[in-house]
Amino acid sequence: MPGGGPSPDGTRWIASRPNFFLAVKPLSRLFRWLFLKRLIGVFNAGALRFFGDLASLAELDAFAGRIKAMQRVNWVAYAKRPFGGPAQVLAYLGRYTHRVAIANSRLVAPDNDHVAFTWKDYRQDGATKIMKLKPDEFIRRFLLHTLPDGFHRIRHFGFMANRHRAAKLAFCRELLDHETAPNDSQPPPVDLEA
């Protein structure tokens, strides 16, 4: 998040307010609205499948009832300041955005009947345990972590979009340099402690 951007006429940099990043309540409501809207769209297109205990949700009335119930619940979008600085945030995001759903090192005993892999049980102080799943269930769970065609893990837009990014970033830096340059027409700052 850049914390600002060029004005529509391109003559100056418009900085956002200091606490602009992620107002949690509006973010939660927006996420709920977007998620449910797209979920309803997938259901209406007939592309949503339900299995096991959720099979009854394939019926329109049951699905609509569940959607109404989810609209009444306050969703929580968890957001807080990072403990470290920008370097730690980038290191975390780099690991998250460039890894697969499960590392090969966690696979213990794959065979024709089961796939065994390690997992951490954080309810028991991060104890490492082994889970065995049938291959089709393992593949189903693995595929929950893959993105459909046309989706990207990271999207850039505005002046960060790939097209003309270098020129637009140079332009933004110019605007920022111009904003921080001393301006003789402004009075000197007042010293309140004097």
N, C-alpha and C. Protein backbone atom coordinates (compact mmCIF):
# COMPACT_ATOMS: atom_id res chain seq x y z
N MET A 1 0.84 -1.18 0.00
CA MET A 1 0.00 0.00 0.00
C MET A 1 0.88 1.24 0.00
N PRO A 2 0.70 2.09 -0.95
CA PRO A 2 1.60 3.23 -1.07
C PRO A 2 1.32 4.37 -0.10
N GLY A 3 0.14 4.47 0.48
CA GLY A 3 -0.16 5.56 1.39
C GLY A 3 -0.38 6.88 0.69
N GLY A 4 -0.85 6.83 -0.52
CA GLY A 4 -1.14 8.04 -1.28
C GLY A 4 -1.04 7.77 -2.77
N GLY A 5 -1.13 8.84 -3.56
CA GLY A 5 -1.03 8.68 -5.01
C GLY A 5 -1.08 10.02 -5.69
N PRO A 6 -0.82 10.01 -7.00
CA PRO A 6 -0.87 11.27 -7.75
C PRO A 6 -2.29 11.82 -7.81
N SER A 7 -2.41 13.13 -7.83
CA SER A 7 -3.72 13.76 -7.98
C SER A 7 -4.26 13.44 -9.38
N PRO A 8 -5.58 13.54 -9.58
CA PRO A 8 -6.13 13.22 -10.91
C PRO A 8 -5.51 14.04 -12.04
N ASP A 9 -5.14 15.28 -11.75
CA ASP A 9 -4.53 16.09 -12.81
C ASP A 9 -3.02 15.86 -12.92
N GLY A 10 -2.44 15.05 -12.02
CA GLY A 10 -1.04 14.70 -12.10
C GLY A 10 -0.07 15.79 -11.67
N THR A 11 -0.53 16.78 -10.93
CA THR A 11 0.35 17.88 -10.56
C THR A 11 0.94 17.76 -9.17
N ARG A 12 0.37 16.90 -8.32
CA ARG A 12 0.87 16.81 -6.95
C ARG A 12 0.58 15.43 -6.38
N TRP A 13 1.25 15.13 -5.27
CA TRP A 13 1.05 13.87 -4.55
C TRP A 13 0.01 14.11 -3.48
N ILE A 14 -0.98 13.22 -3.38
CA ILE A 14 -1.99 13.31 -2.34
C ILE A 14 -1.70 12.21 -1.33
N ALA A 15 -1.28 12.61 -0.14
CA ALA A 15 -0.99 11.64 0.91
C ALA A 15 -2.28 11.26 1.62
N SER A 16 -2.38 9.99 2.01
CA SER A 16 -3.55 9.56 2.76
C SER A 16 -3.36 9.90 4.23
N ARG A 17 -4.44 9.84 4.98
CA ARG A 17 -4.35 10.16 6.41
C ARG A 17 -3.45 9.13 7.09
N PRO A 18 -2.88 9.47 8.23
CA PRO A 18 -1.90 8.57 8.87
C PRO A 18 -2.43 7.18 9.19
N ASN A 19 -3.70 7.03 9.54
CA ASN A 19 -4.22 5.71 9.89
C ASN A 19 -5.08 5.11 8.77
N PHE A 20 -4.68 5.36 7.51
CA PHE A 20 -5.49 4.94 6.37
C PHE A 20 -5.54 3.43 6.19
N PHE A 21 -4.54 2.73 6.64
CA PHE A 21 -4.37 1.34 6.24
C PHE A 21 -5.27 0.41 7.05
N LEU A 22 -6.20 -0.21 6.38
CA LEU A 22 -7.03 -1.28 6.92
C LEU A 22 -7.88 -0.87 8.12
N ALA A 23 -8.90 -0.10 7.88
CA ALA A 23 -9.92 0.13 8.91
C ALA A 23 -10.69 -1.19 9.04
N VAL A 24 -10.56 -1.84 10.18
CA VAL A 24 -10.98 -3.24 10.31
C VAL A 24 -12.49 -3.44 10.13
N LYS A 25 -13.33 -2.59 10.72
CA LYS A 25 -14.78 -2.82 10.61
C LYS A 25 -15.28 -2.68 9.18
N PRO A 26 -14.95 -1.59 8.47
CA PRO A 26 -15.39 -1.53 7.06
C PRO A 26 -14.78 -2.65 6.22
N LEU A 27 -13.54 -3.00 6.51
CA LEU A 27 -12.90 -4.09 5.78
C LEU A 27 -13.65 -5.40 5.99
N SER A 28 -14.07 -5.65 7.23
CA SER A 28 -14.83 -6.87 7.53
C SER A 28 -16.15 -6.91 6.78
N ARG A 29 -16.87 -5.78 6.79
CA ARG A 29 -18.17 -5.74 6.09
C ARG A 29 -17.99 -5.90 4.58
N LEU A 30 -16.97 -5.24 4.04
CA LEU A 30 -16.71 -5.35 2.60
C LEU A 30 -16.33 -6.76 2.22
N PHE A 31 -15.46 -7.40 3.01
CA PHE A 31 -15.05 -8.76 2.72
C PHE A 31 -16.26 -9.70 2.76
N ARG A 32 -17.12 -9.55 3.80
CA ARG A 32 -18.32 -10.39 3.91
C ARG A 32 -19.20 -10.22 2.68
N TRP A 33 -19.45 -8.97 2.29
CA TRP A 33 -20.32 -8.69 1.15
C TRP A 33 -19.75 -9.29 -0.13
N LEU A 34 -18.45 -9.07 -0.39
CA LEU A 34 -17.83 -9.59 -1.62
C LEU A 34 -17.82 -11.12 -1.62
N PHE A 35 -17.47 -11.70 -0.49
CA PHE A 35 -17.39 -13.16 -0.40
C PHE A 35 -18.75 -13.79 -0.67
N LEU A 36 -19.79 -13.29 0.02
CA LEU A 36 -21.12 -13.88 -0.14
C LEU A 36 -21.68 -13.63 -1.53
N LYS A 37 -21.41 -12.46 -2.09
CA LYS A 37 -21.87 -12.16 -3.45
C LYS A 37 -21.28 -13.16 -4.45
N ARG A 38 -20.00 -13.41 -4.32
CA ARG A 38 -19.36 -14.35 -5.26
C ARG A 38 -19.77 -15.80 -4.98
N LEU A 39 -19.99 -16.12 -3.72
CA LEU A 39 -20.45 -17.46 -3.37
C LEU A 39 -21.83 -17.72 -3.97
N ILE A 40 -22.72 -16.74 -3.89
CA ILE A 40 -24.06 -16.86 -4.49
C ILE A 40 -23.94 -16.99 -6.00
N GLY A 41 -23.04 -16.24 -6.62
CA GLY A 41 -22.84 -16.33 -8.07
C GLY A 41 -22.39 -17.71 -8.50
N VAL A 42 -21.47 -18.30 -7.74
CA VAL A 42 -20.99 -19.65 -8.07
C VAL A 42 -22.12 -20.66 -7.88
N PHE A 43 -22.92 -20.49 -6.82
CA PHE A 43 -24.05 -21.39 -6.58
C PHE A 43 -25.06 -21.29 -7.72
N ASN A 44 -25.41 -20.06 -8.10
CA ASN A 44 -26.38 -19.86 -9.18
C ASN A 44 -25.89 -20.40 -10.51
N ALA A 45 -24.57 -20.40 -10.72
CA ALA A 45 -24.01 -20.95 -11.96
C ALA A 45 -23.96 -22.47 -11.94
N GLY A 46 -24.30 -23.07 -10.80
CA GLY A 46 -24.28 -24.53 -10.69
C GLY A 46 -22.89 -25.10 -10.55
N ALA A 47 -21.92 -24.28 -10.17
CA ALA A 47 -20.53 -24.72 -10.07
C ALA A 47 -20.10 -25.04 -8.64
N LEU A 48 -21.01 -24.94 -7.68
CA LEU A 48 -20.67 -25.18 -6.28
C LEU A 48 -21.16 -26.57 -5.90
N ARG A 49 -20.28 -27.37 -5.33
CA ARG A 49 -20.61 -28.74 -4.94
C ARG A 49 -20.50 -28.88 -3.43
N PHE A 50 -21.39 -29.67 -2.83
CA PHE A 50 -21.38 -29.91 -1.39
C PHE A 50 -21.26 -31.40 -1.14
N PHE A 51 -20.46 -31.76 -0.14
CA PHE A 51 -20.21 -33.16 0.16
C PHE A 51 -20.43 -33.42 1.65
N GLY A 52 -20.62 -34.67 1.99
CA GLY A 52 -20.71 -35.09 3.39
C GLY A 52 -21.84 -34.41 4.12
N ASP A 53 -21.53 -33.86 5.30
CA ASP A 53 -22.54 -33.22 6.14
C ASP A 53 -23.14 -31.98 5.49
N LEU A 54 -22.49 -31.43 4.49
CA LEU A 54 -22.97 -30.21 3.85
C LEU A 54 -23.79 -30.47 2.59
N ALA A 55 -24.05 -31.73 2.27
CA ALA A 55 -24.76 -32.08 1.04
C ALA A 55 -26.14 -31.44 0.96
N SER A 56 -26.79 -31.20 2.10
CA SER A 56 -28.14 -30.61 2.09
C SER A 56 -28.12 -29.17 1.57
N LEU A 57 -26.96 -28.51 1.60
CA LEU A 57 -26.88 -27.12 1.13
C LEU A 57 -27.01 -27.01 -0.38
N ALA A 58 -27.03 -28.13 -1.09
CA ALA A 58 -27.23 -28.10 -2.53
C ALA A 58 -28.65 -27.66 -2.88
N GLU A 59 -29.57 -27.78 -1.91
CA GLU A 59 -30.95 -27.32 -2.12
C GLU A 59 -31.01 -25.81 -1.96
N LEU A 60 -31.77 -25.15 -2.84
CA LEU A 60 -31.84 -23.68 -2.86
C LEU A 60 -32.27 -23.09 -1.52
N ASP A 61 -33.31 -23.64 -0.90
CA ASP A 61 -33.82 -23.09 0.36
C ASP A 61 -32.78 -23.21 1.48
N ALA A 62 -32.12 -24.35 1.56
CA ALA A 62 -31.10 -24.55 2.60
C ALA A 62 -29.92 -23.61 2.38
N PHE A 63 -29.50 -23.46 1.13
CA PHE A 63 -28.38 -22.56 0.81
C PHE A 63 -28.76 -21.11 1.13
N ALA A 64 -29.96 -20.69 0.73
CA ALA A 64 -30.40 -19.32 1.00
C ALA A 64 -30.48 -19.07 2.50
N GLY A 65 -30.94 -20.04 3.27
CA GLY A 65 -31.00 -19.89 4.72
C GLY A 65 -29.62 -19.71 5.33
N ARG A 66 -28.64 -20.48 4.81
CA ARG A 66 -27.27 -20.37 5.33
C ARG A 66 -26.68 -19.01 4.97
N ILE A 67 -26.96 -18.51 3.77
CA ILE A 67 -26.46 -17.19 3.36
C ILE A 67 -27.06 -16.10 4.26
N LYS A 68 -28.36 -16.18 4.51
CA LYS A 68 -29.00 -15.18 5.39
C LYS A 68 -28.39 -15.20 6.78
N ALA A 69 -28.11 -16.39 7.28
CA ALA A 69 -27.48 -16.50 8.60
C ALA A 69 -26.09 -15.87 8.59
N MET A 70 -25.33 -16.08 7.52
CA MET A 70 -23.98 -15.52 7.43
C MET A 70 -24.01 -14.00 7.26
N GLN A 71 -25.09 -13.46 6.69
CA GLN A 71 -25.20 -12.01 6.55
C GLN A 71 -25.45 -11.33 7.88
N ARG A 72 -26.02 -12.05 8.84
CA ARG A 72 -26.31 -11.46 10.15
C ARG A 72 -25.12 -11.49 11.10
N VAL A 73 -24.14 -12.29 10.78
CA VAL A 73 -22.98 -12.45 11.65
C VAL A 73 -21.93 -11.39 11.31
N ASN A 74 -21.34 -10.78 12.33
CA ASN A 74 -20.22 -9.86 12.10
C ASN A 74 -18.98 -10.68 11.81
N TRP A 75 -18.40 -10.49 10.65
CA TRP A 75 -17.18 -11.19 10.29
C TRP A 75 -16.00 -10.41 10.83
N VAL A 76 -14.91 -11.08 11.06
CA VAL A 76 -13.72 -10.43 11.59
C VAL A 76 -12.60 -10.53 10.56
N ALA A 77 -12.13 -9.38 10.11
CA ALA A 77 -10.93 -9.35 9.28
C ALA A 77 -9.80 -8.98 10.23
N TYR A 78 -8.91 -9.91 10.49
CA TYR A 78 -7.86 -9.71 11.47
C TYR A 78 -6.74 -8.88 10.86
N ALA A 79 -6.48 -7.75 11.45
CA ALA A 79 -5.42 -6.88 10.96
C ALA A 79 -4.80 -6.15 12.13
N LYS A 80 -3.50 -6.14 12.19
CA LYS A 80 -2.81 -5.40 13.24
C LYS A 80 -1.44 -4.99 12.72
N ARG A 81 -0.81 -4.08 13.43
CA ARG A 81 0.53 -3.64 13.05
C ARG A 81 1.50 -4.81 13.18
N PRO A 82 2.47 -4.92 12.27
CA PRO A 82 3.46 -6.00 12.38
C PRO A 82 4.39 -5.74 13.57
N PHE A 83 4.86 -6.82 14.20
CA PHE A 83 5.78 -6.66 15.32
C PHE A 83 7.13 -6.13 14.85
N GLY A 84 7.56 -6.58 13.70
CA GLY A 84 8.82 -6.10 13.15
C GLY A 84 8.57 -4.93 12.23
N GLY A 85 9.49 -4.69 11.36
CA GLY A 85 9.36 -3.61 10.40
C GLY A 85 9.01 -4.13 9.03
N PRO A 86 9.15 -3.28 8.03
CA PRO A 86 8.82 -3.68 6.65
C PRO A 86 9.61 -4.89 6.16
N ALA A 87 10.85 -5.04 6.60
CA ALA A 87 11.66 -6.18 6.14
C ALA A 87 11.04 -7.51 6.58
N GLN A 88 10.55 -7.56 7.82
CA GLN A 88 9.93 -8.80 8.31
C GLN A 88 8.62 -9.08 7.57
N VAL A 89 7.86 -8.04 7.28
CA VAL A 89 6.61 -8.22 6.54
C VAL A 89 6.88 -8.77 5.16
N LEU A 90 7.86 -8.20 4.46
CA LEU A 90 8.19 -8.67 3.12
C LEU A 90 8.73 -10.09 3.15
N ALA A 91 9.52 -10.43 4.16
CA ALA A 91 10.04 -11.79 4.27
C ALA A 91 8.90 -12.78 4.46
N TYR A 92 7.94 -12.44 5.32
CA TYR A 92 6.78 -13.31 5.54
C TYR A 92 5.97 -13.47 4.26
N LEU A 93 5.65 -12.34 3.61
CA LEU A 93 4.84 -12.41 2.39
C LEU A 93 5.56 -13.20 1.31
N GLY A 94 6.88 -13.04 1.22
CA GLY A 94 7.65 -13.79 0.23
C GLY A 94 7.52 -15.28 0.44
N ARG A 95 7.59 -15.72 1.70
CA ARG A 95 7.44 -17.16 1.98
C ARG A 95 6.02 -17.61 1.67
N TYR A 96 5.04 -16.80 2.02
CA TYR A 96 3.65 -17.19 1.86
C TYR A 96 3.24 -17.25 0.39
N THR A 97 3.65 -16.28 -0.40
CA THR A 97 3.17 -16.20 -1.77
C THR A 97 3.93 -17.11 -2.73
N HIS A 98 5.04 -17.68 -2.30
CA HIS A 98 5.83 -18.50 -3.22
C HIS A 98 6.02 -19.93 -2.73
N ARG A 99 5.10 -20.41 -1.93
CA ARG A 99 5.22 -21.79 -1.49
C ARG A 99 3.98 -22.58 -1.92
N VAL A 100 4.11 -23.90 -1.85
CA VAL A 100 2.97 -24.75 -2.20
C VAL A 100 2.20 -25.09 -0.93
N ALA A 101 1.08 -25.78 -1.09
CA ALA A 101 0.20 -26.06 0.05
C ALA A 101 0.87 -26.94 1.10
N ILE A 102 1.70 -27.88 0.68
CA ILE A 102 2.39 -28.76 1.63
C ILE A 102 3.77 -29.08 1.06
N ALA A 103 4.77 -28.99 1.92
CA ALA A 103 6.14 -29.28 1.48
C ALA A 103 6.37 -30.77 1.39
N ASN A 104 7.22 -31.20 0.49
CA ASN A 104 7.54 -32.61 0.34
C ASN A 104 8.10 -33.20 1.64
N SER A 105 8.79 -32.37 2.41
CA SER A 105 9.40 -32.86 3.65
C SER A 105 8.34 -33.30 4.67
N ARG A 106 7.11 -32.85 4.52
CA ARG A 106 6.04 -33.24 5.45
C ARG A 106 5.38 -34.55 5.06
N LEU A 107 5.62 -35.03 3.85
CA LEU A 107 5.05 -36.31 3.42
C LEU A 107 5.83 -37.44 4.07
N VAL A 108 5.13 -38.32 4.79
CA VAL A 108 5.79 -39.38 5.54
C VAL A 108 5.74 -40.70 4.79
N ALA A 109 4.53 -41.11 4.37
CA ALA A 109 4.38 -42.43 3.76
C ALA A 109 3.26 -42.42 2.73
N PRO A 110 3.52 -41.91 1.54
CA PRO A 110 2.48 -41.99 0.50
C PRO A 110 2.50 -43.38 -0.15
N ASP A 111 1.33 -43.98 -0.30
CA ASP A 111 1.22 -45.25 -1.01
C ASP A 111 -0.13 -45.27 -1.73
N ASN A 112 -0.53 -46.42 -2.25
CA ASN A 112 -1.78 -46.50 -3.02
C ASN A 112 -3.03 -46.34 -2.15
N ASP A 113 -2.93 -46.66 -0.86
CA ASP A 113 -4.10 -46.65 0.01
C ASP A 113 -4.23 -45.37 0.84
N HIS A 114 -3.11 -44.77 1.24
CA HIS A 114 -3.14 -43.60 2.11
C HIS A 114 -1.97 -42.67 1.83
N VAL A 115 -2.15 -41.43 2.21
CA VAL A 115 -1.06 -40.47 2.22
C VAL A 115 -0.90 -40.02 3.66
N ALA A 116 0.25 -40.28 4.23
CA ALA A 116 0.52 -39.87 5.61
C ALA A 116 1.44 -38.65 5.57
N PHE A 117 1.11 -37.65 6.39
CA PHE A 117 1.92 -36.43 6.45
C PHE A 117 1.88 -35.86 7.86
N THR A 118 2.88 -35.05 8.17
CA THR A 118 2.95 -34.44 9.49
C THR A 118 2.17 -33.14 9.52
N TRP A 119 1.68 -32.80 10.70
CA TRP A 119 0.99 -31.54 10.94
C TRP A 119 1.21 -31.14 12.39
N LYS A 120 1.04 -29.85 12.68
CA LYS A 120 1.26 -29.36 14.04
C LYS A 120 -0.09 -29.10 14.71
N ASP A 121 -0.25 -29.66 15.90
CA ASP A 121 -1.46 -29.46 16.69
C ASP A 121 -1.18 -28.33 17.69
N TYR A 122 -1.64 -27.13 17.36
CA TYR A 122 -1.36 -25.97 18.21
C TYR A 122 -2.19 -25.98 19.49
N ARG A 123 -3.20 -26.84 19.56
CA ARG A 123 -3.95 -26.98 20.82
C ARG A 123 -3.14 -27.73 21.85
N GLN A 124 -2.11 -28.44 21.39
CA GLN A 124 -1.22 -29.19 22.28
C GLN A 124 0.20 -28.68 22.13
N ASP A 125 0.35 -27.36 22.22
CA ASP A 125 1.67 -26.69 22.18
C ASP A 125 2.49 -27.02 20.94
N GLY A 126 1.84 -27.12 19.80
CA GLY A 126 2.54 -27.34 18.55
C GLY A 126 3.11 -28.74 18.39
N ALA A 127 2.51 -29.71 19.05
CA ALA A 127 2.98 -31.10 18.94
C ALA A 127 2.85 -31.57 17.49
N THR A 128 3.88 -32.21 16.98
CA THR A 128 3.85 -32.74 15.62
C THR A 128 3.14 -34.08 15.62
N LYS A 129 2.14 -34.21 14.73
CA LYS A 129 1.36 -35.44 14.63
C LYS A 129 1.34 -35.90 13.19
N ILE A 130 0.88 -37.10 12.99
CA ILE A 130 0.79 -37.66 11.64
C ILE A 130 -0.68 -37.89 11.32
N MET A 131 -1.07 -37.47 10.12
CA MET A 131 -2.44 -37.67 9.64
C MET A 131 -2.37 -38.56 8.41
N LYS A 132 -3.31 -39.53 8.33
CA LYS A 132 -3.40 -40.40 7.16
C LYS A 132 -4.73 -40.13 6.47
N LEU A 133 -4.66 -39.86 5.17
CA LEU A 133 -5.86 -39.62 4.37
C LEU A 133 -5.84 -40.53 3.16
N LYS A 134 -7.02 -40.86 2.66
CA LYS A 134 -7.09 -41.58 1.38
C LYS A 134 -6.59 -40.62 0.30
N PRO A 135 -6.00 -41.17 -0.75
CA PRO A 135 -5.42 -40.30 -1.79
C PRO A 135 -6.40 -39.28 -2.36
N ASP A 136 -7.66 -39.69 -2.62
CA ASP A 136 -8.60 -38.74 -3.20
C ASP A 136 -8.92 -37.59 -2.23
N GLU A 137 -9.00 -37.88 -0.93
CA GLU A 137 -9.25 -36.83 0.05
C GLU A 137 -8.03 -35.91 0.19
N PHE A 138 -6.83 -36.50 0.14
CA PHE A 138 -5.61 -35.69 0.20
C PHE A 138 -5.55 -34.73 -1.00
N ILE A 139 -5.85 -35.25 -2.18
CA ILE A 139 -5.83 -34.42 -3.39
C ILE A 139 -6.91 -33.34 -3.31
N ARG A 140 -8.10 -33.69 -2.81
CA ARG A 140 -9.16 -32.69 -2.67
C ARG A 140 -8.72 -31.54 -1.76
N ARG A 141 -8.12 -31.89 -0.62
CA ARG A 141 -7.65 -30.86 0.31
C ARG A 141 -6.52 -30.04 -0.29
N PHE A 142 -5.63 -30.70 -1.01
CA PHE A 142 -4.52 -29.99 -1.65
C PHE A 142 -5.05 -28.98 -2.67
N LEU A 143 -6.04 -29.40 -3.45
CA LEU A 143 -6.57 -28.52 -4.49
C LEU A 143 -7.35 -27.33 -3.93
N LEU A 144 -7.75 -27.38 -2.67
CA LEU A 144 -8.39 -26.22 -2.06
C LEU A 144 -7.43 -25.03 -2.00
N HIS A 145 -6.12 -25.31 -2.07
CA HIS A 145 -5.10 -24.26 -1.97
C HIS A 145 -4.59 -23.78 -3.32
N THR A 146 -5.13 -24.32 -4.41
CA THR A 146 -4.69 -23.87 -5.72
C THR A 146 -5.71 -22.86 -6.26
N LEU A 147 -5.19 -21.91 -6.99
CA LEU A 147 -6.05 -20.86 -7.54
C LEU A 147 -6.64 -21.29 -8.88
N PRO A 148 -7.88 -20.91 -9.15
CA PRO A 148 -8.47 -21.21 -10.46
C PRO A 148 -7.74 -20.44 -11.56
N ASP A 149 -7.93 -20.89 -12.80
CA ASP A 149 -7.32 -20.20 -13.94
C ASP A 149 -7.73 -18.73 -13.95
N GLY A 150 -6.78 -17.87 -14.25
CA GLY A 150 -7.06 -16.45 -14.34
C GLY A 150 -6.88 -15.69 -13.02
N PHE A 151 -6.70 -16.41 -11.91
CA PHE A 151 -6.48 -15.76 -10.63
C PHE A 151 -4.98 -15.67 -10.35
N HIS A 152 -4.58 -14.64 -9.64
CA HIS A 152 -3.19 -14.45 -9.28
C HIS A 152 -3.09 -14.23 -7.78
N ARG A 153 -2.03 -14.71 -7.17
CA ARG A 153 -1.86 -14.50 -5.73
C ARG A 153 -1.60 -13.04 -5.41
N ILE A 154 -0.86 -12.39 -6.27
CA ILE A 154 -0.52 -10.99 -6.04
C ILE A 154 -0.97 -10.19 -7.25
N ARG A 155 -1.72 -9.14 -7.01
CA ARG A 155 -2.15 -8.25 -8.10
C ARG A 155 -1.66 -6.85 -7.81
N HIS A 156 -1.19 -6.19 -8.83
CA HIS A 156 -0.77 -4.80 -8.72
C HIS A 156 -1.71 -3.98 -9.58
N PHE A 157 -2.09 -2.81 -9.09
CA PHE A 157 -2.97 -1.95 -9.86
C PHE A 157 -2.54 -0.50 -9.66
N GLY A 158 -3.18 0.39 -10.38
CA GLY A 158 -2.81 1.81 -10.29
C GLY A 158 -1.40 2.01 -10.82
N PHE A 159 -0.62 2.83 -10.14
CA PHE A 159 0.73 3.09 -10.64
C PHE A 159 1.67 1.92 -10.36
N MET A 160 1.19 0.89 -9.65
CA MET A 160 2.02 -0.30 -9.41
C MET A 160 1.75 -1.41 -10.43
N ALA A 161 0.79 -1.20 -11.34
CA ALA A 161 0.49 -2.21 -12.36
C ALA A 161 1.70 -2.38 -13.28
N ASN A 162 1.82 -3.54 -13.87
CA ASN A 162 3.00 -3.85 -14.68
C ASN A 162 3.19 -2.90 -15.86
N ARG A 163 2.10 -2.51 -16.48
CA ARG A 163 2.22 -1.69 -17.67
C ARG A 163 2.71 -0.29 -17.29
N HIS A 164 3.82 0.12 -17.78
CA HIS A 164 4.42 1.45 -17.54
C HIS A 164 4.77 1.68 -16.08
N ARG A 165 5.02 0.62 -15.30
CA ARG A 165 5.30 0.77 -13.88
C ARG A 165 6.54 1.63 -13.63
N ALA A 166 7.61 1.39 -14.36
CA ALA A 166 8.85 2.14 -14.13
C ALA A 166 8.63 3.63 -14.34
N ALA A 167 7.93 4.00 -15.41
CA ALA A 167 7.69 5.42 -15.68
C ALA A 167 6.77 6.03 -14.62
N LYS A 168 5.75 5.28 -14.22
CA LYS A 168 4.82 5.82 -13.23
C LYS A 168 5.48 5.95 -11.85
N LEU A 169 6.33 5.00 -11.48
CA LEU A 169 7.03 5.11 -10.21
C LEU A 169 7.99 6.29 -10.21
N ALA A 170 8.67 6.49 -11.33
CA ALA A 170 9.57 7.64 -11.44
C ALA A 170 8.78 8.94 -11.30
N PHE A 171 7.60 8.99 -11.92
CA PHE A 171 6.75 10.18 -11.83
C PHE A 171 6.31 10.41 -10.38
N CYS A 172 5.91 9.36 -9.67
CA CYS A 172 5.50 9.49 -8.27
C CYS A 172 6.66 9.97 -7.40
N ARG A 173 7.86 9.44 -7.67
CA ARG A 173 9.02 9.90 -6.91
C ARG A 173 9.29 11.38 -7.15
N GLU A 174 9.10 11.81 -8.38
CA GLU A 174 9.24 13.24 -8.70
C GLU A 174 8.26 14.08 -7.89
N LEU A 175 7.00 13.64 -7.86
CA LEU A 175 5.98 14.36 -7.10
C LEU A 175 6.32 14.39 -5.61
N LEU A 176 6.81 13.26 -5.09
CA LEU A 176 7.17 13.22 -3.67
C LEU A 176 8.36 14.13 -3.38
N ASP A 177 9.34 14.16 -4.27
CA ASP A 177 10.49 15.06 -4.08
C ASP A 177 10.03 16.51 -4.09
N HIS A 178 9.08 16.82 -4.97
CA HIS A 178 8.57 18.18 -5.06
C HIS A 178 7.81 18.54 -3.78
N GLU A 179 7.08 17.58 -3.20
CA GLU A 179 6.33 17.84 -1.97
C GLU A 179 7.25 18.11 -0.79
N THR A 180 8.40 17.41 -0.74
CA THR A 180 9.30 17.56 0.40
C THR A 180 10.29 18.69 0.23
N ALA A 181 10.36 19.29 -0.95
CA ALA A 181 11.28 20.40 -1.16
C ALA A 181 10.83 21.60 -0.33
N PRO A 182 11.80 22.35 0.25
CA PRO A 182 11.39 23.50 1.07
C PRO A 182 10.67 24.54 0.23
N ASN A 183 9.65 25.13 0.82
CA ASN A 183 8.85 26.13 0.12
C ASN A 183 9.03 27.46 0.85
N ASP A 184 9.60 28.44 0.14
CA ASP A 184 9.91 29.73 0.77
C ASP A 184 8.67 30.50 1.16
N SER A 185 7.52 30.21 0.55
CA SER A 185 6.32 30.99 0.82
C SER A 185 5.65 30.58 2.14
N GLN A 186 6.06 29.44 2.70
CA GLN A 186 5.46 29.00 3.95
C GLN A 186 6.20 29.62 5.13
N PRO A 187 5.47 30.01 6.19
CA PRO A 187 6.14 30.56 7.37
C PRO A 187 6.92 29.47 8.08
N PRO A 188 7.94 29.87 8.85
CA PRO A 188 8.70 28.86 9.59
C PRO A 188 7.82 28.21 10.64
N PRO A 189 8.13 26.96 11.04
CA PRO A 189 7.32 26.29 12.05
C PRO A 189 7.41 27.00 13.39
N VAL A 190 6.33 26.97 14.16
CA VAL A 190 6.28 27.61 15.46
C VAL A 190 6.77 26.65 16.51
N ASP A 191 7.67 27.14 17.39
CA ASP A 191 8.20 26.30 18.47
C ASP A 191 7.27 26.47 19.66
N LEU A 192 6.48 25.44 20.00
CA LEU A 192 5.52 25.52 21.07
C LEU A 192 6.15 25.44 22.46
N GLU A 193 7.38 24.95 22.53
CA GLU A 193 8.02 24.80 23.83
C GLU A 193 8.80 26.02 24.24
N ALA A 194 8.90 27.02 23.39
CA ALA A 194 9.69 28.22 23.72
C ALA A 194 8.96 29.11 24.68
